[in-house]
All heavy atoms as atom14 arrays in JSON, in Angstrom:
{
  "sequence": "SFETGNYKGWTVTYPSGTTLTWCGANSDADAATKTGTYI",
  "atom14_mask": [
    [1, 1, 1, 1, 1, 1, 0, 0, 0, 0, 0, 0, 0, 0],
    [1, 1, 1, 1, 1, 1, 1, 1, 1, 1, 1, 0, 0, 0],
    [1, 1, 1, 1, 1, 1, 1, 1, 1, 0, 0, 0, 0, 0],
    [1, 1, 1, 1, 1, 1, 1, 0, 0, 0, 0, 0, 0, 0],
    [1, 1, 1, 1, 0, 0, 0, 0, 0, 0, 0, 0, 0, 0],
    [1, 1, 1, 1, 1, 1, 1, 1, 0, 0, 0, 0, 0, 0],
    [1, 1, 1, 1, 1, 1, 1, 1, 1, 1, 1, 1, 0, 0],
    [1, 1, 1, 1, 1, 1, 1, 1, 1, 0, 0, 0, 0, 0],
    [1, 1, 1, 1, 0, 0, 0, 0, 0, 0, 0, 0, 0, 0],
    [1, 1, 1, 1, 1, 1, 1, 1, 1, 1, 1, 1, 1, 1],
    [1, 1, 1, 1, 1, 1, 1, 0, 0, 0, 0, 0, 0, 0],
    [1, 1, 1, 1, 1, 1, 1, 0, 0, 0, 0, 0, 0, 0],
    [1, 1, 1, 1, 1, 1, 1, 0, 0, 0, 0, 0, 0, 0],
    [1, 1, 1, 1, 1, 1, 1, 1, 1, 1, 1, 1, 0, 0],
    [1, 1, 1, 1, 1, 1, 1, 0, 0, 0, 0, 0, 0, 0],
    [1, 1, 1, 1, 1, 1, 0, 0, 0, 0, 0, 0, 0, 0],
    [1, 1, 1, 1, 0, 0, 0, 0, 0, 0, 0, 0, 0, 0],
    [1, 1, 1, 1, 1, 1, 1, 0, 0, 0, 0, 0, 0, 0],
    [1, 1, 1, 1, 1, 1, 1, 0, 0, 0, 0, 0, 0, 0],
    [1, 1, 1, 1, 1, 1, 1, 1, 0, 0, 0, 0, 0, 0],
    [1, 1, 1, 1, 1, 1, 1, 0, 0, 0, 0, 0, 0, 0],
    [1, 1, 1, 1, 1, 1, 1, 1, 1, 1, 1, 1, 1, 1],
    [1, 1, 1, 1, 1, 1, 0, 0, 0, 0, 0, 0, 0, 0],
    [1, 1, 1, 1, 0, 0, 0, 0, 0, 0, 0, 0, 0, 0],
    [1, 1, 1, 1, 1, 0, 0, 0, 0, 0, 0, 0, 0, 0],
    [1, 1, 1, 1, 1, 1, 1, 1, 0, 0, 0, 0, 0, 0],
    [1, 1, 1, 1, 1, 1, 0, 0, 0, 0, 0, 0, 0, 0],
    [1, 1, 1, 1, 1, 1, 1, 1, 0, 0, 0, 0, 0, 0],
    [1, 1, 1, 1, 1, 0, 0, 0, 0, 0, 0, 0, 0, 0],
    [1, 1, 1, 1, 1, 1, 1, 1, 0, 0, 0, 0, 0, 0],
    [1, 1, 1, 1, 1, 0, 0, 0, 0, 0, 0, 0, 0, 0],
    [1, 1, 1, 1, 1, 0, 0, 0, 0, 0, 0, 0, 0, 0],
    [1, 1, 1, 1, 1, 1, 1, 0, 0, 0, 0, 0, 0, 0],
    [1, 1, 1, 1, 1, 1, 1, 1, 1, 0, 0, 0, 0, 0],
    [1, 1, 1, 1, 1, 1, 1, 0, 0, 0, 0, 0, 0, 0],
    [1, 1, 1, 1, 0, 0, 0, 0, 0, 0, 0, 0, 0, 0],
    [1, 1, 1, 1, 1, 1, 1, 0, 0, 0, 0, 0, 0, 0],
    [1, 1, 1, 1, 1, 1, 1, 1, 1, 1, 1, 1, 0, 0],
    [1, 1, 1, 1, 1, 1, 1, 1, 0, 0, 0, 0, 0, 0]
  ],
  "atom14_positions": [
    [[-116.68, 126.12, 16.73], [-115.44, 126.08, 17.48], [-115.27, 127.29, 18.4], [-114.18, 127.56, 18.89], [-114.24, 125.97, 16.52], [-113.07, 125.58, 17.2], [0.0, 0.0, 0.0], [0.0, 0.0, 0.0], [0.0, 0.0, 0.0], [0.0, 0.0, 0.0], [0.0, 0.0, 0.0], [0.0, 0.0, 0.0], [0.0, 0.0, 0.0], [0.0, 0.0, 0.0]],
    [[-116.38, 128.03, 18.6], [-116.41, 129.16, 19.52], [-115.42, 130.25, 19.18], [-114.94, 130.98, 20.04], [-116.2, 128.66, 20.97], [-117.14, 127.56, 21.35], [-116.72, 126.24, 21.34], [-118.46, 127.84, 21.66], [-117.6, 125.21, 21.66], [-119.35, 126.81, 21.98], [-118.91, 125.5, 21.98], [0.0, 0.0, 0.0], [0.0, 0.0, 0.0], [0.0, 0.0, 0.0]],
    [[-115.12, 130.37, 17.88], [-114.13, 131.36, 17.46], [-114.67, 132.79, 17.46], [-113.92, 133.72, 17.16], [-113.56, 130.99, 16.1], [-112.66, 129.75, 16.13], [-111.54, 129.89, 17.16], [-110.71, 130.8, 17.02], [-111.5, 129.08, 18.1], [0.0, 0.0, 0.0], [0.0, 0.0, 0.0], [0.0, 0.0, 0.0], [0.0, 0.0, 0.0], [0.0, 0.0, 0.0]],
    [[-115.94, 132.97, 17.8], [-116.46, 134.33, 18.04], [-115.99, 134.87, 19.38], [-116.2, 136.04, 19.69], [-118.0, 134.35, 18.0], [-118.49, 133.45, 19.0], [-118.52, 133.93, 16.63], [0.0, 0.0, 0.0], [0.0, 0.0, 0.0], [0.0, 0.0, 0.0], [0.0, 0.0, 0.0], [0.0, 0.0, 0.0], [0.0, 0.0, 0.0], [0.0, 0.0, 0.0]],
    [[-115.38, 134.0, 20.19], [-114.96, 134.4, 21.52], [-116.08, 134.34, 22.54], [-115.93, 134.77, 23.69], [0.0, 0.0, 0.0], [0.0, 0.0, 0.0], [0.0, 0.0, 0.0], [0.0, 0.0, 0.0], [0.0, 0.0, 0.0], [0.0, 0.0, 0.0], [0.0, 0.0, 0.0], [0.0, 0.0, 0.0], [0.0, 0.0, 0.0], [0.0, 0.0, 0.0]],
    [[-117.22, 133.76, 22.13], [-118.35, 133.55, 23.03], [-119.11, 132.33, 22.54], [-118.63, 131.61, 21.67], [-119.25, 134.8, 23.08], [-119.68, 135.26, 21.69], [-119.98, 134.45, 20.82], [-119.67, 136.57, 21.47], [0.0, 0.0, 0.0], [0.0, 0.0, 0.0], [0.0, 0.0, 0.0], [0.0, 0.0, 0.0], [0.0, 0.0, 0.0], [0.0, 0.0, 0.0]],
    [[-120.29, 132.09, 23.1], [-121.05, 130.92, 22.64], [-122.3, 131.34, 21.86], [-123.35, 130.7, 21.93], [-121.39, 129.96, 23.79], [-122.09, 130.54, 24.99], [-123.49, 130.53, 25.08], [-121.38, 131.05, 26.06], [-124.14, 131.02, 26.19], [-122.02, 131.55, 27.18], [-123.41, 131.53, 27.24], [-124.06, 132.02, 28.35], [0.0, 0.0, 0.0], [0.0, 0.0, 0.0]],
    [[-122.13, 132.36, 21.03], [-123.2, 132.78, 20.13], [-123.65, 131.6, 19.27], [-122.84, 130.86, 18.73], [-122.71, 133.91, 19.23], [-123.75, 134.42, 18.24], [-123.2, 135.54, 17.38], [-124.24, 136.04, 16.38], [-123.7, 137.13, 15.52], [0.0, 0.0, 0.0], [0.0, 0.0, 0.0], [0.0, 0.0, 0.0], [0.0, 0.0, 0.0], [0.0, 0.0, 0.0]],
    [[-124.97, 131.42, 19.13], [-125.51, 130.32, 18.36], [-125.84, 129.09, 19.19], [-126.51, 128.18, 18.72], [0.0, 0.0, 0.0], [0.0, 0.0, 0.0], [0.0, 0.0, 0.0], [0.0, 0.0, 0.0], [0.0, 0.0, 0.0], [0.0, 0.0, 0.0], [0.0, 0.0, 0.0], [0.0, 0.0, 0.0], [0.0, 0.0, 0.0], [0.0, 0.0, 0.0]],
    [[-125.36, 129.07, 20.42], [-125.59, 127.95, 21.33], [-126.54, 128.37, 22.45], [-126.56, 129.52, 22.85], [-124.28, 127.46, 21.92], [-123.34, 126.91, 20.91], [-122.4, 127.61, 20.2], [-123.23, 125.55, 20.48], [-121.72, 126.77, 19.35], [-122.21, 125.49, 19.5], [-123.9, 124.38, 20.83], [-121.85, 124.31, 18.88], [-123.54, 123.19, 20.2], [-122.53, 123.16, 19.24]],
    [[-127.27, 127.41, 22.97], [-128.18, 127.63, 24.1], [-127.65, 126.89, 25.31], [-127.35, 125.69, 25.24], [-129.6, 127.15, 23.78], [-130.1, 127.88, 22.65], [-130.53, 127.36, 24.97], [0.0, 0.0, 0.0], [0.0, 0.0, 0.0], [0.0, 0.0, 0.0], [0.0, 0.0, 0.0], [0.0, 0.0, 0.0], [0.0, 0.0, 0.0], [0.0, 0.0, 0.0]],
    [[-127.51, 127.6, 26.41], [-127.02, 127.02, 27.65], [-128.19, 126.9, 28.63], [-128.95, 127.86, 28.82], [-125.91, 127.9, 28.25], [-125.67, 127.57, 29.71], [-124.62, 127.74, 27.45], [0.0, 0.0, 0.0], [0.0, 0.0, 0.0], [0.0, 0.0, 0.0], [0.0, 0.0, 0.0], [0.0, 0.0, 0.0], [0.0, 0.0, 0.0], [0.0, 0.0, 0.0]],
    [[-128.35, 125.73, 29.23], [-129.41, 125.53, 30.22], [-128.86, 124.81, 31.44], [-128.06, 123.87, 31.33], [-130.58, 124.71, 29.64], [-130.09, 123.47, 29.14], [-131.25, 125.47, 28.5], [0.0, 0.0, 0.0], [0.0, 0.0, 0.0], [0.0, 0.0, 0.0], [0.0, 0.0, 0.0], [0.0, 0.0, 0.0], [0.0, 0.0, 0.0], [0.0, 0.0, 0.0]],
    [[-129.28, 125.27, 32.62], [-129.0, 124.6, 33.88], [-130.01, 125.11, 34.89], [-130.73, 126.09, 34.63], [-127.55, 124.84, 34.33], [-127.08, 126.27, 34.38], [-127.17, 127.02, 35.55], [-126.5, 126.87, 33.25], [-126.71, 128.34, 35.6], [-126.05, 128.17, 33.3], [-126.16, 128.9, 34.47], [-125.72, 130.19, 34.51], [0.0, 0.0, 0.0], [0.0, 0.0, 0.0]],
    [[-130.15, 124.46, 36.03], [-131.24, 124.79, 36.95], [-131.23, 126.25, 37.39], [-130.17, 126.83, 37.65], [-130.98, 123.86, 38.15], [-130.24, 122.7, 37.55], [-129.37, 123.29, 36.49], [0.0, 0.0, 0.0], [0.0, 0.0, 0.0], [0.0, 0.0, 0.0], [0.0, 0.0, 0.0], [0.0, 0.0, 0.0], [0.0, 0.0, 0.0], [0.0, 0.0, 0.0]],
    [[-132.42, 126.84, 37.46], [-132.53, 128.22, 37.93], [-132.05, 128.31, 39.37], [-132.21, 127.37, 40.16], [-133.99, 128.7, 37.83], [-134.83, 127.88, 38.64], [0.0, 0.0, 0.0], [0.0, 0.0, 0.0], [0.0, 0.0, 0.0], [0.0, 0.0, 0.0], [0.0, 0.0, 0.0], [0.0, 0.0, 0.0], [0.0, 0.0, 0.0], [0.0, 0.0, 0.0]],
    [[-131.43, 129.42, 39.68], [-130.88, 129.61, 41.02], [-129.47, 129.09, 41.17], [-128.83, 129.31, 42.21], [0.0, 0.0, 0.0], [0.0, 0.0, 0.0], [0.0, 0.0, 0.0], [0.0, 0.0, 0.0], [0.0, 0.0, 0.0], [0.0, 0.0, 0.0], [0.0, 0.0, 0.0], [0.0, 0.0, 0.0], [0.0, 0.0, 0.0], [0.0, 0.0, 0.0]],
    [[-128.97, 128.4, 40.14], [-127.61, 127.88, 40.16], [-126.63, 128.95, 39.7], [-126.89, 129.65, 38.72], [-127.48, 126.65, 39.25], [-128.38, 125.65, 39.69], [-126.06, 126.1, 39.27], [0.0, 0.0, 0.0], [0.0, 0.0, 0.0], [0.0, 0.0, 0.0], [0.0, 0.0, 0.0], [0.0, 0.0, 0.0], [0.0, 0.0, 0.0], [0.0, 0.0, 0.0]],
    [[-125.53, 129.08, 40.37], [-124.47, 130.01, 39.97], [-123.23, 129.21, 39.58], [-122.79, 128.34, 40.33], [-124.12, 130.98, 41.11], [-125.27, 131.74, 41.46], [-123.01, 131.93, 40.68], [0.0, 0.0, 0.0], [0.0, 0.0, 0.0], [0.0, 0.0, 0.0], [0.0, 0.0, 0.0], [0.0, 0.0, 0.0], [0.0, 0.0, 0.0], [0.0, 0.0, 0.0]],
    [[-122.71, 129.49, 38.41], [-121.48, 128.85, 37.96], [-120.32, 129.83, 38.1], [-120.44, 130.99, 37.74], [-121.6, 128.4, 36.5], [-122.57, 127.26, 36.22], [-122.72, 127.03, 34.73], [-122.11, 125.97, 36.9], [0.0, 0.0, 0.0], [0.0, 0.0, 0.0], [0.0, 0.0, 0.0], [0.0, 0.0, 0.0], [0.0, 0.0, 0.0], [0.0, 0.0, 0.0]],
    [[-119.2, 129.34, 38.6], [-118.02, 130.18, 38.71], [-117.53, 130.63, 37.34], [-117.1, 131.77, 37.15], [-116.9, 129.42, 39.44], [-117.39, 128.96, 40.7], [-115.68, 130.31, 39.66], [0.0, 0.0, 0.0], [0.0, 0.0, 0.0], [0.0, 0.0, 0.0], [0.0, 0.0, 0.0], [0.0, 0.0, 0.0], [0.0, 0.0, 0.0], [0.0, 0.0, 0.0]],
    [[-117.62, 129.72, 36.38], [-117.24, 130.04, 35.01], [-118.15, 129.32, 34.04], [-118.45, 128.13, 34.2], [-115.78, 129.62, 34.73], [-115.35, 129.75, 33.29], [-115.52, 130.83, 32.48], [-114.71, 128.75, 32.5], [-115.01, 130.57, 31.22], [-114.5, 129.3, 31.21], [-114.27, 127.45, 32.76], [-113.89, 128.58, 30.18], [-113.66, 126.73, 31.73], [-113.47, 127.31, 30.46]],
    [[-118.62, 130.03, 33.04], [-119.42, 129.46, 31.96], [-119.23, 130.36, 30.75], [-119.8, 131.45, 30.69], [-120.89, 129.36, 32.34], [-121.97, 128.83, 30.99], [0.0, 0.0, 0.0], [0.0, 0.0, 0.0], [0.0, 0.0, 0.0], [0.0, 0.0, 0.0], [0.0, 0.0, 0.0], [0.0, 0.0, 0.0], [0.0, 0.0, 0.0], [0.0, 0.0, 0.0]],
    [[-118.39, 129.93, 29.81], [-118.15, 130.8, 28.67], [-116.98, 130.34, 27.84], [-116.46, 129.23, 28.01], [0.0, 0.0, 0.0], [0.0, 0.0, 0.0], [0.0, 0.0, 0.0], [0.0, 0.0, 0.0], [0.0, 0.0, 0.0], [0.0, 0.0, 0.0], [0.0, 0.0, 0.0], [0.0, 0.0, 0.0], [0.0, 0.0, 0.0], [0.0, 0.0, 0.0]],
    [[-116.56, 131.21, 26.93], [-115.44, 130.92, 26.03], [-114.21, 131.68, 26.47], [-114.29, 132.83, 26.91], [-115.8, 131.31, 24.6], [0.0, 0.0, 0.0], [0.0, 0.0, 0.0], [0.0, 0.0, 0.0], [0.0, 0.0, 0.0], [0.0, 0.0, 0.0], [0.0, 0.0, 0.0], [0.0, 0.0, 0.0], [0.0, 0.0, 0.0], [0.0, 0.0, 0.0]],
    [[-113.06, 131.02, 26.37], [-111.78, 131.69, 26.57], [-110.71, 130.9, 25.82], [-111.02, 129.95, 25.11], [-111.44, 131.88, 28.05], [-111.17, 130.58, 28.78], [-110.88, 129.55, 28.2], [-111.29, 130.63, 30.11], [0.0, 0.0, 0.0], [0.0, 0.0, 0.0], [0.0, 0.0, 0.0], [0.0, 0.0, 0.0], [0.0, 0.0, 0.0], [0.0, 0.0, 0.0]],
    [[-109.48, 131.3, 25.95], [-108.39, 130.66, 25.2], [-107.59, 129.69, 26.04], [-106.56, 129.18, 25.59], [-107.45, 131.74, 24.64], [-106.91, 132.52, 25.7], [0.0, 0.0, 0.0], [0.0, 0.0, 0.0], [0.0, 0.0, 0.0], [0.0, 0.0, 0.0], [0.0, 0.0, 0.0], [0.0, 0.0, 0.0], [0.0, 0.0, 0.0], [0.0, 0.0, 0.0]],
    [[-108.06, 129.39, 27.26], [-107.3, 128.61, 28.22], [-107.51, 127.1, 27.99], [-108.38, 126.48, 28.59], [-107.72, 128.99, 29.64], [-106.87, 128.3, 30.69], [-105.74, 127.9, 30.37], [-107.34, 128.17, 31.84], [0.0, 0.0, 0.0], [0.0, 0.0, 0.0], [0.0, 0.0, 0.0], [0.0, 0.0, 0.0], [0.0, 0.0, 0.0], [0.0, 0.0, 0.0]],
    [[-106.72, 126.53, 27.08], [-106.78, 125.1, 26.81], [-105.45, 124.65, 26.22], [-104.62, 125.48, 25.83], [-107.93, 124.78, 25.85], [0.0, 0.0, 0.0], [0.0, 0.0, 0.0], [0.0, 0.0, 0.0], [0.0, 0.0, 0.0], [0.0, 0.0, 0.0], [0.0, 0.0, 0.0], [0.0, 0.0, 0.0], [0.0, 0.0, 0.0], [0.0, 0.0, 0.0]],
    [[-105.28, 123.35, 26.16], [-104.04, 122.77, 25.63], [-103.81, 123.23, 24.2], [-104.6, 122.93, 23.3], [-104.14, 121.24, 25.7], [-102.92, 120.57, 25.11], [-101.81, 120.86, 25.56], [-103.11, 119.75, 24.19], [0.0, 0.0, 0.0], [0.0, 0.0, 0.0], [0.0, 0.0, 0.0], [0.0, 0.0, 0.0], [0.0, 0.0, 0.0], [0.0, 0.0, 0.0]],
    [[-102.73, 123.95, 23.96], [-102.47, 124.56, 22.66], [-102.3, 123.52, 21.56], [-102.62, 123.77, 20.4], [-101.24, 125.45, 22.74], [0.0, 0.0, 0.0], [0.0, 0.0, 0.0], [0.0, 0.0, 0.0], [0.0, 0.0, 0.0], [0.0, 0.0, 0.0], [0.0, 0.0, 0.0], [0.0, 0.0, 0.0], [0.0, 0.0, 0.0], [0.0, 0.0, 0.0]],
    [[-101.8, 122.35, 21.91], [-101.52, 121.33, 20.89], [-102.78, 120.63, 20.39], [-102.77, 120.07, 19.29], [-100.55, 120.3, 21.46], [0.0, 0.0, 0.0], [0.0, 0.0, 0.0], [0.0, 0.0, 0.0], [0.0, 0.0, 0.0], [0.0, 0.0, 0.0], [0.0, 0.0, 0.0], [0.0, 0.0, 0.0], [0.0, 0.0, 0.0], [0.0, 0.0, 0.0]],
    [[-103.86, 120.67, 21.17], [-105.06, 119.91, 20.78], [-106.3, 120.76, 20.58], [-107.32, 120.25, 20.12], [-105.37, 118.81, 21.82], [-105.45, 119.4, 23.13], [-104.29, 117.74, 21.82], [0.0, 0.0, 0.0], [0.0, 0.0, 0.0], [0.0, 0.0, 0.0], [0.0, 0.0, 0.0], [0.0, 0.0, 0.0], [0.0, 0.0, 0.0], [0.0, 0.0, 0.0]],
    [[-106.24, 122.05, 20.9], [-107.4, 122.88, 20.62], [-107.35, 123.34, 19.16], [-106.3, 123.3, 18.51], [-107.47, 124.08, 21.56], [-106.41, 125.15, 21.34], [-106.63, 126.32, 22.32], [-105.6, 127.43, 22.11], [-105.83, 128.58, 23.0], [0.0, 0.0, 0.0], [0.0, 0.0, 0.0], [0.0, 0.0, 0.0], [0.0, 0.0, 0.0], [0.0, 0.0, 0.0]],
    [[-108.49, 123.79, 18.65], [-108.61, 124.27, 17.28], [-108.85, 125.77, 17.31], [-109.81, 126.24, 17.93], [-109.76, 123.57, 16.54], [-109.51, 122.16, 16.53], [-109.9, 124.08, 15.12], [0.0, 0.0, 0.0], [0.0, 0.0, 0.0], [0.0, 0.0, 0.0], [0.0, 0.0, 0.0], [0.0, 0.0, 0.0], [0.0, 0.0, 0.0], [0.0, 0.0, 0.0]],
    [[-108.0, 126.54, 16.66], [-108.14, 127.99, 16.69], [-107.73, 128.56, 18.04], [-106.86, 128.03, 18.73], [0.0, 0.0, 0.0], [0.0, 0.0, 0.0], [0.0, 0.0, 0.0], [0.0, 0.0, 0.0], [0.0, 0.0, 0.0], [0.0, 0.0, 0.0], [0.0, 0.0, 0.0], [0.0, 0.0, 0.0], [0.0, 0.0, 0.0], [0.0, 0.0, 0.0]],
    [[-108.41, 129.64, 18.43], [-108.03, 130.37, 19.64], [-108.89, 130.01, 20.85], [-108.38, 129.87, 21.96], [-108.14, 131.88, 19.4], [-107.28, 132.25, 18.31], [-107.74, 132.68, 20.64], [0.0, 0.0, 0.0], [0.0, 0.0, 0.0], [0.0, 0.0, 0.0], [0.0, 0.0, 0.0], [0.0, 0.0, 0.0], [0.0, 0.0, 0.0], [0.0, 0.0, 0.0]],
    [[-110.19, 129.83, 20.64], [-111.11, 129.75, 21.76], [-111.69, 128.35, 21.96], [-111.81, 127.56, 21.03], [-112.27, 130.74, 21.57], [-111.81, 132.18, 21.55], [-111.64, 132.85, 20.34], [-111.54, 132.86, 22.73], [-111.22, 134.17, 20.32], [-111.1, 134.17, 22.71], [-110.94, 134.83, 21.5], [-110.51, 136.13, 21.48], [0.0, 0.0, 0.0], [0.0, 0.0, 0.0]],
    [[-112.08, 128.11, 23.21], [-112.81, 126.91, 23.6], [-113.97, 127.36, 24.48], [-114.06, 128.53, 24.87], [-111.92, 125.91, 24.37], [-111.23, 126.58, 25.58], [-110.84, 125.35, 23.43], [-111.97, 126.54, 26.86], [0.0, 0.0, 0.0], [0.0, 0.0, 0.0], [0.0, 0.0, 0.0], [0.0, 0.0, 0.0], [0.0, 0.0, 0.0], [0.0, 0.0, 0.0]]
  ]
}
C-alpha cells in the first residue's frame, strides 16, 4: 500500500529517454477510498 512513502519493493519500467512529470508515492488521493496515507 506504499506506506513507506515510496515504492520500495516495486520495480518501475518504461522506455529509456522518457521523462515523466510525476512517478512516485504521495498522499494526494481521495481520502474516503484510499488505504492509509500514501498512494
